[in-house]
Amino acid sequence: TELHRRGIAHSIEIWNRNNELAGGMYGVALGRCFFGESMF
């Protein structure tokens, strides 16, 4: 969460037609690399 506050970690959200959360992922971005950490 601190990495996210500093703009280093990011979340990706996927929503259904009712704008309900259908899944997601978080990871770390450095340079031109993205490090996927976990997904559901």
ModelCIF file with pLDDT and N, C-alpha, C, O atoms, coordinates in Angstrom:
data_MODEL
#
_entry.id   MODEL 
#
_entity.id                         1 
_entity.type                       polymer 
_entity.pdbx_number_of_molecules   1 
#
_entity_poly.entity_id                      1 
_entity_poly.type                           'polypeptide(L)' 
_entity_poly.nstd_linkage                   no 
_entity_poly.nstd_monomer                   no 
_entity_poly.pdbx_seq_one_letter_code       TELHRRGIAHSIEIWNRNNELAGGMYGVALGRCFFGESMF 
_entity_poly.pdbx_seq_one_letter_code_can   TELHRRGIAHSIEIWNRNNELAGGMYGVALGRCFFGESMF 
_entity_poly.pdbx_strand_id                 A 
#
loop_
_entity_poly_seq.entity_id 
_entity_poly_seq.num 
_entity_poly_seq.mon_id 
_entity_poly_seq.hetero 
1 1  THR n 
1 2  GLU n 
1 3  LEU n 
1 4  HIS n 
1 5  ARG n 
1 6  ARG n 
1 7  GLY n 
1 8  ILE n 
1 9  ALA n 
1 10 HIS n 
1 11 SER n 
1 12 ILE n 
1 13 GLU n 
1 14 ILE n 
1 15 TRP n 
1 16 ASN n 
1 17 ARG n 
1 18 ASN n 
1 19 ASN n 
1 20 GLU n 
1 21 LEU n 
1 22 ALA n 
1 23 GLY n 
1 24 GLY n 
1 25 MET n 
1 26 TYR n 
1 27 GLY n 
1 28 VAL n 
1 29 ALA n 
1 30 LEU n 
1 31 GLY n 
1 32 ARG n 
1 33 CYS n 
1 34 PHE n 
1 35 PHE n 
1 36 GLY n 
1 37 GLU n 
1 38 SER n 
1 39 MET n 
1 40 PHE n 
#
_struct_asym.id          A 
_struct_asym.entity_id   1 
#
loop_
_ma_qa_metric.id 
_ma_qa_metric.mode 
_ma_qa_metric.name 
_ma_qa_metric.software_group_id 
_ma_qa_metric.type 
1 global pLDDT . pLDDT 
2 local  pLDDT . pLDDT 
#
_ma_qa_metric_global.metric_id      1 
_ma_qa_metric_global.metric_value   97.62 
_ma_qa_metric_global.model_id       1 
_ma_qa_metric_global.ordinal_id     1 
#
loop_
_ma_qa_metric_local.label_asym_id 
_ma_qa_metric_local.label_comp_id 
_ma_qa_metric_local.label_seq_id 
_ma_qa_metric_local.metric_id 
_ma_qa_metric_local.metric_value 
_ma_qa_metric_local.model_id 
_ma_qa_metric_local.ordinal_id 
A THR 1  2 98.00 1 1  
A GLU 2  2 98.00 1 2  
A LEU 3  2 98.00 1 3  
A HIS 4  2 98.00 1 4  
A ARG 5  2 98.00 1 5  
A ARG 6  2 98.00 1 6  
A GLY 7  2 97.00 1 7  
A ILE 8  2 98.00 1 8  
A ALA 9  2 98.00 1 9  
A HIS 10 2 98.00 1 10 
A SER 11 2 98.00 1 11 
A ILE 12 2 98.00 1 12 
A GLU 13 2 98.00 1 13 
A ILE 14 2 98.00 1 14 
A TRP 15 2 98.00 1 15 
A ASN 16 2 98.00 1 16 
A ARG 17 2 97.00 1 17 
A ASN 18 2 98.00 1 18 
A ASN 19 2 97.00 1 19 
A GLU 20 2 98.00 1 20 
A LEU 21 2 98.00 1 21 
A ALA 22 2 98.00 1 22 
A GLY 23 2 98.00 1 23 
A GLY 24 2 98.00 1 24 
A MET 25 2 98.00 1 25 
A TYR 26 2 98.00 1 26 
A GLY 27 2 98.00 1 27 
A VAL 28 2 98.00 1 28 
A ALA 29 2 98.00 1 29 
A LEU 30 2 98.00 1 30 
A GLY 31 2 98.00 1 31 
A ARG 32 2 98.00 1 32 
A CYS 33 2 98.00 1 33 
A PHE 34 2 98.00 1 34 
A PHE 35 2 98.00 1 35 
A GLY 36 2 97.00 1 36 
A GLU 37 2 96.00 1 37 
A SER 38 2 95.00 1 38 
A MET 39 2 95.00 1 39 
A PHE 40 2 95.00 1 40 
#
loop_
_atom_site.group_PDB 
_atom_site.id 
_atom_site.type_symbol 
_atom_site.label_atom_id 
_atom_site.label_alt_id 
_atom_site.label_comp_id 
_atom_site.label_asym_id 
_atom_site.label_entity_id 
_atom_site.label_seq_id 
_atom_site.pdbx_PDB_ins_code 
_atom_site.Cartn_x 
_atom_site.Cartn_y 
_atom_site.Cartn_z 
_atom_site.occupancy 
_atom_site.B_iso_or_equiv 
_atom_site.pdbx_formal_charge 
_atom_site.auth_seq_id 
_atom_site.auth_comp_id 
_atom_site.auth_asym_id 
_atom_site.auth_atom_id 
_atom_site.pdbx_PDB_model_num 
ATOM 1   N N  . THR A 1 1  ? 0.837   -1.198  0.000   1.00 98.00 ? 1  THR A N  1 
ATOM 2   C CA . THR A 1 1  ? 0.000   0.000   0.000   1.00 98.00 ? 1  THR A CA 1 
ATOM 3   C C  . THR A 1 1  ? 0.873   1.250   0.000   1.00 98.00 ? 1  THR A C  1 
ATOM 4   O O  . THR A 1 1  ? 0.535   2.243   -0.644  1.00 98.00 ? 1  THR A O  1 
ATOM 5   N N  . GLU A 1 2  ? 1.991   1.207   0.715   1.00 98.00 ? 2  GLU A N  1 
ATOM 6   C CA . GLU A 1 2  ? 2.929   2.325   0.693   1.00 98.00 ? 2  GLU A CA 1 
ATOM 7   C C  . GLU A 1 2  ? 3.573   2.447   -0.690  1.00 98.00 ? 2  GLU A C  1 
ATOM 8   O O  . GLU A 1 2  ? 3.763   3.558   -1.185  1.00 98.00 ? 2  GLU A O  1 
ATOM 9   N N  . LEU A 1 3  ? 3.909   1.324   -1.313  1.00 98.00 ? 3  LEU A N  1 
ATOM 10  C CA . LEU A 1 3  ? 4.416   1.373   -2.686  1.00 98.00 ? 3  LEU A CA 1 
ATOM 11  C C  . LEU A 1 3  ? 3.388   2.003   -3.622  1.00 98.00 ? 3  LEU A C  1 
ATOM 12  O O  . LEU A 1 3  ? 3.736   2.774   -4.516  1.00 98.00 ? 3  LEU A O  1 
ATOM 13  N N  . HIS A 1 4  ? 2.133   1.668   -3.406  1.00 98.00 ? 4  HIS A N  1 
ATOM 14  C CA . HIS A 1 4  ? 1.063   2.257   -4.234  1.00 98.00 ? 4  HIS A CA 1 
ATOM 15  C C  . HIS A 1 4  ? 0.974   3.757   -3.996  1.00 98.00 ? 4  HIS A C  1 
ATOM 16  O O  . HIS A 1 4  ? 0.806   4.529   -4.940  1.00 98.00 ? 4  HIS A O  1 
ATOM 17  N N  . ARG A 1 5  ? 1.086   4.174   -2.735  1.00 98.00 ? 5  ARG A N  1 
ATOM 18  C CA . ARG A 1 5  ? 1.023   5.602   -2.417  1.00 98.00 ? 5  ARG A CA 1 
ATOM 19  C C  . ARG A 1 5  ? 2.137   6.369   -3.120  1.00 98.00 ? 5  ARG A C  1 
ATOM 20  O O  . ARG A 1 5  ? 1.980   7.542   -3.458  1.00 98.00 ? 5  ARG A O  1 
ATOM 21  N N  . ARG A 1 6  ? 3.253   5.700   -3.332  1.00 98.00 ? 6  ARG A N  1 
ATOM 22  C CA . ARG A 1 6  ? 4.398   6.339   -3.992  1.00 98.00 ? 6  ARG A CA 1 
ATOM 23  C C  . ARG A 1 6  ? 4.382   6.154   -5.514  1.00 98.00 ? 6  ARG A C  1 
ATOM 24  O O  . ARG A 1 6  ? 5.320   6.563   -6.199  1.00 98.00 ? 6  ARG A O  1 
ATOM 25  N N  . GLY A 1 7  ? 3.329   5.544   -6.036  1.00 97.00 ? 7  GLY A N  1 
ATOM 26  C CA . GLY A 1 7  ? 3.199   5.386   -7.480  1.00 97.00 ? 7  GLY A CA 1 
ATOM 27  C C  . GLY A 1 7  ? 3.998   4.246   -8.060  1.00 97.00 ? 7  GLY A C  1 
ATOM 28  O O  . GLY A 1 7  ? 4.239   4.216   -9.267  1.00 97.00 ? 7  GLY A O  1 
ATOM 29  N N  . ILE A 1 8  ? 4.422   3.294   -7.223  1.00 98.00 ? 8  ILE A N  1 
ATOM 30  C CA . ILE A 1 8  ? 5.238   2.166   -7.671  1.00 98.00 ? 8  ILE A CA 1 
ATOM 31  C C  . ILE A 1 8  ? 4.398   0.906   -7.845  1.00 98.00 ? 8  ILE A C  1 
ATOM 32  O O  . ILE A 1 8  ? 4.595   0.163   -8.806  1.00 98.00 ? 8  ILE A O  1 
ATOM 33  N N  . ALA A 1 9  ? 3.477   0.657   -6.944  1.00 98.00 ? 9  ALA A N  1 
ATOM 34  C CA . ALA A 1 9  ? 2.568   -0.487  -7.047  1.00 98.00 ? 9  ALA A CA 1 
ATOM 35  C C  . ALA A 1 9  ? 1.227   -0.025  -7.611  1.00 98.00 ? 9  ALA A C  1 
ATOM 36  O O  . ALA A 1 9  ? 0.780   1.093   -7.352  1.00 98.00 ? 9  ALA A O  1 
ATOM 37  N N  . HIS A 1 10 ? 0.606   -0.891  -8.371  1.00 98.00 ? 10 HIS A N  1 
ATOM 38  C CA . HIS A 1 10 ? -0.645  -0.541  -9.043  1.00 98.00 ? 10 HIS A CA 1 
ATOM 39  C C  . HIS A 1 10 ? -1.643  -1.685  -8.935  1.00 98.00 ? 10 HIS A C  1 
ATOM 40  O O  . HIS A 1 10 ? -1.275  -2.855  -8.829  1.00 98.00 ? 10 HIS A O  1 
ATOM 41  N N  . SER A 1 11 ? -2.904  -1.312  -8.964  1.00 98.00 ? 11 SER A N  1 
ATOM 42  C CA . SER A 1 11 ? -3.968  -2.314  -9.039  1.00 98.00 ? 11 SER A CA 1 
ATOM 43  C C  . SER A 1 11 ? -4.653  -2.210  -10.396 1.00 98.00 ? 11 SER A C  1 
ATOM 44  O O  . SER A 1 11 ? -4.756  -1.131  -10.979 1.00 98.00 ? 11 SER A O  1 
ATOM 45  N N  . ILE A 1 12 ? -5.116  -3.350  -10.880 1.00 98.00 ? 12 ILE A N  1 
ATOM 46  C CA . ILE A 1 12 ? -5.928  -3.388  -12.097 1.00 98.00 ? 12 ILE A CA 1 
ATOM 47  C C  . ILE A 1 12 ? -7.251  -4.025  -11.700 1.00 98.00 ? 12 ILE A C  1 
ATOM 48  O O  . ILE A 1 12 ? -7.284  -5.115  -11.129 1.00 98.00 ? 12 ILE A O  1 
ATOM 49  N N  . GLU A 1 13 ? -8.337  -3.333  -12.008 1.00 98.00 ? 13 GLU A N  1 
ATOM 50  C CA . GLU A 1 13 ? -9.660  -3.805  -11.635 1.00 98.00 ? 13 GLU A CA 1 
ATOM 51  C C  . GLU A 1 13 ? -10.456 -4.171  -12.878 1.00 98.00 ? 13 GLU A C  1 
ATOM 52  O O  . GLU A 1 13 ? -10.319 -3.530  -13.921 1.00 98.00 ? 13 GLU A O  1 
ATOM 53  N N  . ILE A 1 14 ? -11.283 -5.197  -12.766 1.00 98.00 ? 14 ILE A N  1 
ATOM 54  C CA . ILE A 1 14 ? -12.200 -5.530  -13.849 1.00 98.00 ? 14 ILE A CA 1 
ATOM 55  C C  . ILE A 1 14 ? -13.614 -5.547  -13.277 1.00 98.00 ? 14 ILE A C  1 
ATOM 56  O O  . ILE A 1 14 ? -13.877 -6.160  -12.242 1.00 98.00 ? 14 ILE A O  1 
ATOM 57  N N  . TRP A 1 15 ? -14.517 -4.860  -13.975 1.00 98.00 ? 15 TRP A N  1 
ATOM 58  C CA . TRP A 1 15 ? -15.880 -4.631  -13.498 1.00 98.00 ? 15 TRP A CA 1 
ATOM 59  C C  . TRP A 1 15 ? -16.881 -5.237  -14.474 1.00 98.00 ? 15 TRP A C  1 
ATOM 60  O O  . TRP A 1 15 ? -16.644 -5.277  -15.682 1.00 98.00 ? 15 TRP A O  1 
ATOM 61  N N  . ASN A 1 16 ? -18.004 -5.708  -13.933 1.00 98.00 ? 16 ASN A N  1 
ATOM 62  C CA . ASN A 1 16 ? -19.048 -6.214  -14.818 1.00 98.00 ? 16 ASN A CA 1 
ATOM 63  C C  . ASN A 1 16 ? -19.979 -5.075  -15.232 1.00 98.00 ? 16 ASN A C  1 
ATOM 64  O O  . ASN A 1 16 ? -19.734 -3.912  -14.910 1.00 98.00 ? 16 ASN A O  1 
ATOM 65  N N  . ARG A 1 17 ? -21.057 -5.425  -15.952 1.00 97.00 ? 17 ARG A N  1 
ATOM 66  C CA . ARG A 1 17 ? -21.956 -4.395  -16.477 1.00 97.00 ? 17 ARG A CA 1 
ATOM 67  C C  . ARG A 1 17 ? -22.702 -3.644  -15.384 1.00 97.00 ? 17 ARG A C  1 
ATOM 68  O O  . ARG A 1 17 ? -23.213 -2.548  -15.613 1.00 97.00 ? 17 ARG A O  1 
ATOM 69  N N  . ASN A 1 18 ? -22.765 -4.238  -14.192 1.00 98.00 ? 18 ASN A N  1 
ATOM 70  C CA . ASN A 1 18 ? -23.419 -3.562  -13.068 1.00 98.00 ? 18 ASN A CA 1 
ATOM 71  C C  . ASN A 1 18 ? -22.427 -2.762  -12.228 1.00 98.00 ? 18 ASN A C  1 
ATOM 72  O O  . ASN A 1 18 ? -22.743 -2.324  -11.121 1.00 98.00 ? 18 ASN A O  1 
ATOM 73  N N  . ASN A 1 19 ? -21.222 -2.578  -12.770 1.00 97.00 ? 19 ASN A N  1 
ATOM 74  C CA . ASN A 1 19 ? -20.150 -1.880  -12.062 1.00 97.00 ? 19 ASN A CA 1 
ATOM 75  C C  . ASN A 1 19 ? -19.791 -2.547  -10.741 1.00 97.00 ? 19 ASN A C  1 
ATOM 76  O O  . ASN A 1 19 ? -19.437 -1.889  -9.762  1.00 97.00 ? 19 ASN A O  1 
ATOM 77  N N  . GLU A 1 20 ? -19.894 -3.876  -10.743 1.00 98.00 ? 20 GLU A N  1 
ATOM 78  C CA . GLU A 1 20 ? -19.463 -4.671  -9.601  1.00 98.00 ? 20 GLU A CA 1 
ATOM 79  C C  . GLU A 1 20 ? -18.100 -5.280  -9.913  1.00 98.00 ? 20 GLU A C  1 
ATOM 80  O O  . GLU A 1 20 ? -17.820 -5.658  -11.051 1.00 98.00 ? 20 GLU A O  1 
ATOM 81  N N  . LEU A 1 21 ? -17.267 -5.368  -8.897  1.00 98.00 ? 21 LEU A N  1 
ATOM 82  C CA . LEU A 1 21 ? -15.923 -5.895  -9.093  1.00 98.00 ? 21 LEU A CA 1 
ATOM 83  C C  . LEU A 1 21 ? -16.000 -7.375  -9.468  1.00 98.00 ? 21 LEU A C  1 
ATOM 84  O O  . LEU A 1 21 ? -16.592 -8.177  -8.745  1.00 98.00 ? 21 LEU A O  1 
ATOM 85  N N  . ALA A 1 22 ? -15.394 -7.729  -10.608 1.00 98.00 ? 22 ALA A N  1 
ATOM 86  C CA . ALA A 1 22 ? -15.416 -9.109  -11.088 1.00 98.00 ? 22 ALA A CA 1 
ATOM 87  C C  . ALA A 1 22 ? -14.062 -9.793  -10.952 1.00 98.00 ? 22 ALA A C  1 
ATOM 88  O O  . ALA A 1 22 ? -13.963 -11.007 -11.130 1.00 98.00 ? 22 ALA A O  1 
ATOM 89  N N  . GLY A 1 23 ? -13.028 -9.037  -10.641 1.00 98.00 ? 23 GLY A N  1 
ATOM 90  C CA . GLY A 1 23 ? -11.694 -9.604  -10.493 1.00 98.00 ? 23 GLY A CA 1 
ATOM 91  C C  . GLY A 1 23 ? -10.671 -8.491  -10.376 1.00 98.00 ? 23 GLY A C  1 
ATOM 92  O O  . GLY A 1 23 ? -11.013 -7.311  -10.448 1.00 98.00 ? 23 GLY A O  1 
ATOM 93  N N  . GLY A 1 24 ? -9.410  -8.873  -10.195 1.00 98.00 ? 24 GLY A N  1 
ATOM 94  C CA . GLY A 1 24 ? -8.375  -7.853  -10.081 1.00 98.00 ? 24 GLY A CA 1 
ATOM 95  C C  . GLY A 1 24 ? -6.991  -8.431  -9.937  1.00 98.00 ? 24 GLY A C  1 
ATOM 96  O O  . GLY A 1 24 ? -6.812  -9.637  -9.769  1.00 98.00 ? 24 GLY A O  1 
ATOM 97  N N  . MET A 1 25 ? -6.024  -7.555  -10.005 1.00 98.00 ? 25 MET A N  1 
ATOM 98  C CA . MET A 1 25 ? -4.597  -7.901  -9.888  1.00 98.00 ? 25 MET A CA 1 
ATOM 99  C C  . MET A 1 25 ? -3.873  -6.711  -9.285  1.00 98.00 ? 25 MET A C  1 
ATOM 100 O O  . MET A 1 25 ? -4.309  -5.569  -9.428  1.00 98.00 ? 25 MET A O  1 
ATOM 101 N N  . TYR A 1 26 ? -2.749  -6.988  -8.601  1.00 98.00 ? 26 TYR A N  1 
ATOM 102 C CA . TYR A 1 26 ? -1.854  -5.896  -8.227  1.00 98.00 ? 26 TYR A CA 1 
ATOM 103 C C  . TYR A 1 26 ? -0.424  -6.307  -8.552  1.00 98.00 ? 26 TYR A C  1 
ATOM 104 O O  . TYR A 1 26 ? -0.105  -7.492  -8.642  1.00 98.00 ? 26 TYR A O  1 
ATOM 105 N N  . GLY A 1 27 ? 0.422   -5.309  -8.724  1.00 98.00 ? 27 GLY A N  1 
ATOM 106 C CA . GLY A 1 27 ? 1.812   -5.583  -9.052  1.00 98.00 ? 27 GLY A CA 1 
ATOM 107 C C  . GLY A 1 27 ? 2.645   -4.321  -8.942  1.00 98.00 ? 27 GLY A C  1 
ATOM 108 O O  . GLY A 1 27 ? 2.164   -3.271  -8.516  1.00 98.00 ? 27 GLY A O  1 
ATOM 109 N N  . VAL A 1 28 ? 3.896   -4.444  -9.334  1.00 98.00 ? 28 VAL A N  1 
ATOM 110 C CA . VAL A 1 28 ? 4.892   -3.379  -9.193  1.00 98.00 ? 28 VAL A CA 1 
ATOM 111 C C  . VAL A 1 28 ? 5.409   -2.999  -10.570 1.00 98.00 ? 28 VAL A C  1 
ATOM 112 O O  . VAL A 1 28 ? 5.704   -3.870  -11.388 1.00 98.00 ? 28 VAL A O  1 
ATOM 113 N N  . ALA A 1 29 ? 5.519   -1.700  -10.829 1.00 98.00 ? 29 ALA A N  1 
ATOM 114 C CA . ALA A 1 29 ? 6.037   -1.198  -12.106 1.00 98.00 ? 29 ALA A CA 1 
ATOM 115 C C  . ALA A 1 29 ? 7.346   -0.448  -11.868 1.00 98.00 ? 29 ALA A C  1 
ATOM 116 O O  . ALA A 1 29 ? 7.393   0.520   -11.110 1.00 98.00 ? 29 ALA A O  1 
ATOM 117 N N  . LEU A 1 30 ? 8.407   -0.915  -12.531 1.00 98.00 ? 30 LEU A N  1 
ATOM 118 C CA . LEU A 1 30 ? 9.704   -0.237  -12.480 1.00 98.00 ? 30 LEU A CA 1 
ATOM 119 C C  . LEU A 1 30 ? 10.257  -0.184  -13.893 1.00 98.00 ? 30 LEU A C  1 
ATOM 120 O O  . LEU A 1 30 ? 10.378  -1.212  -14.560 1.00 98.00 ? 30 LEU A O  1 
ATOM 121 N N  . GLY A 1 31 ? 10.591  1.009   -14.344 1.00 98.00 ? 31 GLY A N  1 
ATOM 122 C CA . GLY A 1 31 ? 11.088  1.146   -15.701 1.00 98.00 ? 31 GLY A CA 1 
ATOM 123 C C  . GLY A 1 31 ? 10.073  0.624   -16.698 1.00 98.00 ? 31 GLY A C  1 
ATOM 124 O O  . GLY A 1 31 ? 8.901   0.998   -16.663 1.00 98.00 ? 31 GLY A O  1 
ATOM 125 N N  . ARG A 1 32 ? 10.537  -0.254  -17.597 1.00 98.00 ? 32 ARG A N  1 
ATOM 126 C CA . ARG A 1 32 ? 9.643   -0.857  -18.582 1.00 98.00 ? 32 ARG A CA 1 
ATOM 127 C C  . ARG A 1 32 ? 9.321   -2.304  -18.220 1.00 98.00 ? 32 ARG A C  1 
ATOM 128 O O  . ARG A 1 32 ? 9.116   -3.144  -19.096 1.00 98.00 ? 32 ARG A O  1 
ATOM 129 N N  . CYS A 1 33 ? 9.280   -2.582  -16.924 1.00 98.00 ? 33 CYS A N  1 
ATOM 130 C CA . CYS A 1 33 ? 8.931   -3.916  -16.428 1.00 98.00 ? 33 CYS A CA 1 
ATOM 131 C C  . CYS A 1 33 ? 7.750   -3.821  -15.478 1.00 98.00 ? 33 CYS A C  1 
ATOM 132 O O  . CYS A 1 33 ? 7.684   -2.916  -14.645 1.00 98.00 ? 33 CYS A O  1 
ATOM 133 N N  . PHE A 1 34 ? 6.822   -4.754  -15.606 1.00 98.00 ? 34 PHE A N  1 
ATOM 134 C CA . PHE A 1 34 ? 5.728   -4.867  -14.654 1.00 98.00 ? 34 PHE A CA 1 
ATOM 135 C C  . PHE A 1 34 ? 5.825   -6.227  -13.989 1.00 98.00 ? 34 PHE A C  1 
ATOM 136 O O  . PHE A 1 34 ? 5.936   -7.250  -14.664 1.00 98.00 ? 34 PHE A O  1 
ATOM 137 N N  . PHE A 1 35 ? 5.784   -6.236  -12.673 1.00 98.00 ? 35 PHE A N  1 
ATOM 138 C CA . PHE A 1 35 ? 5.912   -7.462  -11.899 1.00 98.00 ? 35 PHE A CA 1 
ATOM 139 C C  . PHE A 1 35 ? 4.551   -7.812  -11.303 1.00 98.00 ? 35 PHE A C  1 
ATOM 140 O O  . PHE A 1 35 ? 4.131   -7.212  -10.314 1.00 98.00 ? 35 PHE A O  1 
ATOM 141 N N  . GLY A 1 36 ? 3.871   -8.772  -11.899 1.00 97.00 ? 36 GLY A N  1 
ATOM 142 C CA . GLY A 1 36 ? 2.572   -9.173  -11.391 1.00 97.00 ? 36 GLY A CA 1 
ATOM 143 C C  . GLY A 1 36 ? 2.720   -9.947  -10.098 1.00 97.00 ? 36 GLY A C  1 
ATOM 144 O O  . GLY A 1 36 ? 3.505   -10.892 -10.023 1.00 97.00 ? 36 GLY A O  1 
ATOM 145 N N  . GLU A 1 37 ? 1.969   -9.553  -9.078  1.00 96.00 ? 37 GLU A N  1 
ATOM 146 C CA . GLU A 1 37 ? 2.094   -10.188 -7.771  1.00 96.00 ? 37 GLU A CA 1 
ATOM 147 C C  . GLU A 1 37 ? 0.983   -11.199 -7.501  1.00 96.00 ? 37 GLU A C  1 
ATOM 148 O O  . GLU A 1 37 ? 1.269   -12.330 -7.109  1.00 96.00 ? 37 GLU A O  1 
ATOM 149 N N  . SER A 1 38 ? -0.247  -10.826 -7.697  1.00 95.00 ? 38 SER A N  1 
ATOM 150 C CA . SER A 1 38 ? -1.348  -11.746 -7.404  1.00 95.00 ? 38 SER A CA 1 
ATOM 151 C C  . SER A 1 38 ? -2.585  -11.295 -8.167  1.00 95.00 ? 38 SER A C  1 
ATOM 152 O O  . SER A 1 38 ? -2.738  -10.122 -8.508  1.00 95.00 ? 38 SER A O  1 
ATOM 153 N N  . MET A 1 39 ? -3.477  -12.275 -8.430  1.00 95.00 ? 39 MET A N  1 
ATOM 154 C CA . MET A 1 39 ? -4.682  -12.011 -9.206  1.00 95.00 ? 39 MET A CA 1 
ATOM 155 C C  . MET A 1 39 ? -5.828  -12.845 -8.637  1.00 95.00 ? 39 MET A C  1 
ATOM 156 O O  . MET A 1 39 ? -5.602  -13.923 -8.086  1.00 95.00 ? 39 MET A O  1 
ATOM 157 N N  . PHE A 1 40 ? -7.029  -12.355 -8.768  1.00 95.00 ? 40 PHE A N  1 
ATOM 158 C CA . PHE A 1 40 ? -8.204  -13.142 -8.394  1.00 95.00 ? 40 PHE A CA 1 
ATOM 159 C C  . PHE A 1 40 ? -9.307  -12.898 -9.415  1.00 95.00 ? 40 PHE A C  1 
ATOM 160 O O  . PHE A 1 40 ? -10.394 -13.464 -9.295  1.00 95.00 ? 40 PHE A O  1 
#
